[in-house]
């Protein structure tokens, strides 16, 4: 196994030699996209004395994907652009042929992820812009929303923020609308247990969400004149229906000082 000093020697020799190669080959450049392997790939770029891709280069992979960027000892390593035959594209950093550090991934449906990567998956802080215009900004673990984050709904202008786990809001959360917000505990993206609605007029309604079988999810809205509560379109659009049908049970109204 080459030690760090040997790797530095290779890099120094490469700077002096910078040998260029361009021919069809079948070496160990891993491909990320899908597709049947019908031909050998091609590579044009720098190599080290072991004839490994090393430095800057351009490659067409056997499945038709393309990569242009930096290599280190035969692996994509450093900054690069990976263009898939399907039309998807990754622009960012690599480590040992895996997405690592900051990178941007452009999906074929128009959605975009801009943020950190580890082990080829979204990990750390990042923003995902969905095809419908919704945006999630926050923490990720293994390509799932996990940790603190905010989800903004383009259609309603509402924002759902709090603690996420395995892609869903779990624990403390807030659903913020234009003239009111709900604060409470969430379970798998659904409010359950104690919570309160806070209205811009200076009032709060306290209560709890409970599971109620054979009923559609019921949501609460505000009529600022008489506090007549009824389901709201905004919240139904966000939460929809769920196997755990829930109902809001208010117990008191409080005027904030």
Protein backbone atom coordinates (compact mmCIF):
# COMPACT_ATOMS: atom_id res chain seq x y z
CA UNK A 1 0.00 0.00 0.00
CA UNK A 2 1.46 3.35 -1.02
CA UNK A 3 2.17 5.66 1.90
CA UNK A 4 1.57 9.40 1.97
CA UNK A 5 5.18 10.26 1.06
CA UNK A 6 5.01 8.03 -2.00
CA UNK A 7 1.75 9.73 -3.05
CA UNK A 8 3.44 13.11 -2.80
CA UNK A 9 6.32 11.86 -4.96
CA UNK A 10 3.83 10.66 -7.58
CA UNK A 11 2.12 14.07 -7.58
CA UNK A 12 5.46 15.85 -7.99
CA UNK A 13 6.49 13.55 -10.83
CA UNK A 14 3.14 14.13 -12.51
CA UNK A 15 3.68 17.90 -12.42
CA UNK A 16 6.98 17.38 -14.21
CA UNK A 17 5.77 14.79 -16.75
CA UNK A 18 2.00 15.50 -17.33
CA UNK A 19 1.74 12.66 -19.86
CA UNK A 20 -1.48 12.75 -21.87
CA UNK A 21 -3.33 9.64 -23.03
CA UNK A 22 -6.36 9.29 -25.28
CA UNK A 23 -7.67 5.87 -26.21
CA UNK A 24 -10.48 3.41 -25.52
CA UNK A 25 -10.02 1.41 -22.39
CA UNK A 26 -11.75 -0.50 -19.63
CA UNK A 27 -10.13 0.52 -16.35
CA UNK A 28 -11.63 1.00 -12.88
CA UNK A 29 -13.51 4.30 -13.30
CA UNK A 30 -16.81 3.54 -11.54
CA UNK A 31 -19.98 4.80 -13.21
CA UNK A 32 -22.90 6.32 -11.33
CA UNK A 33 -25.78 6.23 -13.80
CA UNK A 34 -27.85 3.44 -15.27
CA UNK A 35 -27.67 1.77 -18.64
CA UNK A 36 -26.40 -1.32 -20.37
CA UNK A 37 -22.64 -1.52 -20.91
CA UNK A 38 -22.29 -1.87 -24.66
CA UNK A 39 -18.76 -0.61 -25.30
CA UNK A 40 -15.48 0.26 -23.65
CA UNK A 41 -15.09 3.77 -22.29
CA UNK A 42 -12.56 6.38 -23.32
CA UNK A 43 -10.24 8.69 -21.39
CA UNK A 44 -8.14 11.71 -22.23
CA UNK A 45 -5.99 13.27 -19.54
CA UNK A 46 -3.09 12.98 -17.17
CA UNK A 47 -1.70 9.79 -15.61
CA UNK A 48 0.86 8.88 -13.00
CA UNK A 49 3.83 6.54 -13.47
CA UNK A 50 1.60 3.55 -12.62
CA UNK A 51 -0.52 4.52 -15.65
CA UNK A 52 -3.46 5.41 -13.41
CA UNK A 53 -5.70 8.37 -14.12
CA UNK A 54 -4.15 11.12 -12.03
CA UNK A 55 -4.63 14.87 -12.39
CA UNK A 56 -7.11 16.44 -14.77
CA UNK A 57 -8.94 14.39 -17.35
CA UNK A 58 -12.08 13.70 -19.38
CA UNK A 59 -13.77 10.32 -19.56
CA UNK A 60 -16.69 8.73 -21.39
CA UNK A 61 -17.81 5.75 -19.35
CA UNK A 62 -19.02 2.43 -20.82
CA UNK A 63 -22.67 3.30 -20.05
CA UNK A 64 -22.47 6.65 -21.86
CA UNK A 65 -22.01 8.86 -18.79
CA UNK A 66 -19.31 11.54 -18.94
CA UNK A 67 -16.91 12.89 -16.34
CA UNK A 68 -14.58 15.85 -16.53
CA UNK A 69 -12.45 16.84 -13.58
CA UNK A 70 -9.73 15.73 -11.21
CA UNK A 71 -8.41 12.21 -10.54
CA UNK A 72 -6.12 10.76 -7.91
CA UNK A 73 -4.56 7.33 -8.31
CA UNK A 74 -7.28 6.16 -10.68
CA UNK A 75 -10.25 7.55 -8.75
CA UNK A 76 -12.39 10.64 -9.22
CA UNK A 77 -10.95 12.87 -6.52
CA UNK A 78 -11.32 16.64 -6.19
CA UNK A 79 -13.56 18.90 -8.26
CA UNK A 80 -15.46 17.49 -11.20
CA UNK A 81 -18.59 17.41 -13.33
CA UNK A 82 -20.40 14.10 -13.86
CA UNK A 83 -23.02 14.16 -16.63
CA UNK A 84 -25.33 11.17 -16.84
CA UNK A 85 -26.72 9.90 -20.11
CA UNK A 86 -30.20 10.33 -18.60
CA UNK A 87 -29.69 14.11 -18.40
CA UNK A 88 -28.93 14.36 -14.69
CA UNK A 89 -25.73 16.12 -13.62
CA UNK A 90 -23.52 16.42 -10.54
CA UNK A 91 -21.17 19.38 -10.09
CA UNK A 92 -18.96 19.28 -7.03
CA UNK A 93 -16.32 17.46 -5.04
CA UNK A 94 -15.30 13.81 -5.02
CA UNK A 95 -13.27 11.61 -2.72
CA UNK A 96 -12.21 8.17 -3.93
CA UNK A 97 -14.89 8.29 -6.69
CA UNK A 98 -17.68 9.13 -4.22
CA UNK A 99 -19.53 12.43 -3.85
CA UNK A 100 -17.93 14.16 -0.88
CA UNK A 101 -18.15 17.67 0.55
CA UNK A 102 -20.12 20.35 -1.26
CA UNK A 103 -21.87 19.48 -4.50
CA UNK A 104 -24.91 20.26 -6.61
CA UNK A 105 -27.07 17.57 -8.19
CA UNK A 106 -29.50 18.48 -10.98
CA UNK A 107 -32.26 15.89 -11.40
CA UNK A 108 -34.10 15.09 -14.61
CA UNK A 109 -37.46 16.24 -13.16
CA UNK A 110 -36.09 19.75 -12.57
CA UNK A 111 -35.37 19.43 -8.85
CA UNK A 112 -31.97 20.44 -7.48
CA UNK A 113 -29.96 19.59 -4.37
CA UNK A 114 -27.24 22.00 -3.22
CA UNK A 115 -25.31 20.97 -0.16
CA UNK A 116 -22.97 18.51 1.49
CA UNK A 117 -22.35 14.86 0.60
CA UNK A 118 -20.72 11.88 2.29
CA UNK A 119 -20.45 8.32 0.93
CA UNK A 120 -22.36 9.32 -2.22
CA UNK A 121 -25.37 10.42 -0.14
CA UNK A 122 -26.74 13.72 1.12
CA UNK A 123 -25.22 14.26 4.56
CA UNK A 124 -24.90 17.47 6.54
CA UNK A 125 -26.50 20.78 5.63
CA UNK A 126 -28.17 21.22 2.27
CA UNK A 127 -31.09 22.69 0.36
CA UNK A 128 -33.38 20.64 -1.90
CA UNK A 129 -35.50 22.56 -4.40
CA UNK A 130 -38.33 20.27 -5.51
CA UNK A 131 -39.84 20.24 -8.99
CA UNK A 132 -43.04 21.87 -7.70
CA UNK A 133 -41.08 24.77 -6.17
CA UNK A 134 -41.13 23.57 -2.55
CA UNK A 135 -37.81 23.99 -0.71
CA UNK A 136 -36.30 22.09 2.21
CA UNK A 137 -33.32 23.69 3.95
CA UNK A 138 -31.62 21.91 6.79
CA UNK A 139 -29.81 18.79 7.89
CA UNK A 140 -29.59 15.45 6.09
CA UNK A 141 -28.44 11.94 7.05
CA UNK A 142 -28.04 9.27 4.37
CA UNK A 143 -30.12 11.27 1.86
CA UNK A 144 -33.06 11.71 4.26
CA UNK A 145 -34.20 14.90 6.00
CA UNK A 146 -32.81 14.35 9.49
CA UNK A 147 -32.08 16.98 12.14
CA UNK A 148 -33.15 20.62 12.21
CA UNK A 149 -34.77 21.93 9.05
CA UNK A 150 -37.43 24.04 7.36
CA UNK A 151 -39.79 22.99 4.57
CA UNK A 152 -41.32 25.85 2.60
CA UNK A 153 -44.48 25.22 0.56
CA UNK A 154 -44.60 27.34 -2.59
CA UNK A 155 -48.34 26.85 -3.18
CA UNK A 156 -49.50 28.15 0.20
CA UNK A 157 -46.47 30.14 1.36
CA UNK A 158 -46.52 28.16 4.62
CA UNK A 159 -43.42 26.81 6.37
CA UNK A 160 -43.03 23.63 8.41
CA UNK A 161 -39.99 23.68 10.66
CA UNK A 162 -38.59 21.65 13.51
CA UNK A 163 -36.77 18.38 14.14
CA UNK A 164 -36.80 15.78 11.37
CA UNK A 165 -36.11 12.05 11.55
CA UNK A 166 -35.90 9.62 8.62
CA UNK A 167 -37.48 12.14 6.27
CA UNK A 168 -40.45 13.17 8.45
CA UNK A 169 -41.02 15.80 11.11
CA UNK A 170 -40.74 14.14 14.52
CA UNK A 171 -40.75 15.88 17.90
CA UNK A 172 -41.20 19.63 18.29
CA UNK A 173 -42.44 21.46 15.20
CA UNK A 174 -44.13 24.61 13.96
CA UNK A 175 -46.45 25.04 10.99
CA UNK A 176 -46.37 28.74 10.12
CA UNK A 177 -49.09 30.38 8.01
CA UNK A 178 -49.63 34.00 7.04
CA UNK A 179 -51.95 34.90 9.92
CA UNK A 180 -51.45 32.08 12.42
CA UNK A 181 -49.18 29.19 13.32
CA UNK A 182 -49.41 25.85 15.07
CA UNK A 183 -46.82 24.80 17.67
CA UNK A 184 -46.73 21.27 19.00
CA UNK A 185 -45.41 17.75 18.83
CA UNK A 186 -45.25 15.81 15.57
CA UNK A 187 -45.07 12.11 14.83
CA UNK A 188 -44.02 11.02 11.32
CA UNK A 189 -45.07 14.36 9.88
CA UNK A 190 -48.46 14.50 11.64
CA UNK A 191 -49.29 16.64 14.71
CA UNK A 192 -50.18 14.46 17.70
CA UNK A 193 -50.52 15.33 21.37
CA UNK A 194 -50.45 18.74 23.00
CA UNK A 195 -50.13 21.91 20.98
CA UNK A 196 -51.47 25.38 20.44
CA UNK A 197 -52.56 27.70 17.66
CA UNK A 198 -51.14 31.20 17.90
CA UNK A 199 -53.01 33.93 16.04
CA UNK A 200 -51.76 37.32 14.93
CA UNK A 201 -54.68 38.97 16.75
CA UNK A 202 -53.07 38.20 20.12
CA UNK A 203 -54.95 35.00 20.97
CA UNK A 204 -53.90 31.39 21.47
CA UNK A 205 -56.01 28.26 21.42
CA UNK A 206 -54.57 25.37 23.44
CA UNK A 207 -55.52 21.75 23.00
CA UNK A 208 -54.32 18.47 21.57
CA UNK A 209 -54.48 16.37 18.43
CA UNK A 210 -55.78 12.85 18.96
CA UNK A 211 -56.23 9.84 16.73
CA UNK A 212 -59.83 9.30 15.65
CA UNK A 213 -60.61 6.31 13.44
CA UNK A 214 -62.71 6.51 10.28
CA UNK A 215 -62.44 10.28 10.00
CA UNK A 216 -60.52 12.48 7.65
CA UNK A 217 -57.86 14.70 9.12
CA UNK A 218 -59.50 17.82 10.57
CA UNK A 219 -57.67 21.12 10.60
CA UNK A 220 -58.24 24.35 12.46
CA UNK A 221 -58.52 27.85 11.04
CA UNK A 222 -59.33 31.22 12.51
CA UNK A 223 -62.13 33.72 11.96
CA UNK A 224 -60.56 36.71 13.70
CA UNK A 225 -63.97 38.15 14.62
CA UNK A 226 -65.55 35.22 16.44
CA UNK A 227 -62.92 32.44 16.56
CA UNK A 228 -65.09 30.05 14.58
CA UNK A 229 -62.76 27.15 13.82
CA UNK A 230 -63.06 25.02 10.69
CA UNK A 231 -60.71 23.05 8.41
CA UNK A 232 -58.28 25.16 6.35
CA UNK A 233 -57.22 24.51 2.79
CA UNK A 234 -53.60 25.41 3.56
CA UNK A 235 -53.17 22.75 6.22
CA UNK A 236 -55.04 20.10 4.24
CA UNK A 237 -52.77 20.75 1.25
CA UNK A 238 -49.73 20.32 3.46
CA UNK A 239 -50.74 17.31 5.56
CA UNK A 240 -53.45 15.65 3.47
CA UNK A 241 -55.03 12.50 4.84
CA UNK A 242 -53.21 9.95 6.95
CA UNK A 243 -53.73 6.40 8.13
CA UNK A 244 -53.83 7.86 11.63
CA UNK A 245 -56.86 10.12 11.20
CA UNK A 246 -56.62 12.85 13.77
CA UNK A 247 -58.91 15.44 15.33
CA UNK A 248 -58.10 18.68 17.11
CA UNK A 249 -59.61 18.94 20.61
CA UNK A 250 -59.33 22.48 22.02
CA UNK A 251 -59.56 23.07 25.76
CA UNK A 252 -59.02 26.81 26.28
CA UNK A 253 -58.40 30.16 24.61
CA UNK A 254 -55.75 32.48 26.03
CA UNK A 255 -55.18 36.18 25.29
CA UNK A 256 -51.50 36.98 25.10
CA UNK A 257 -50.25 39.94 27.06
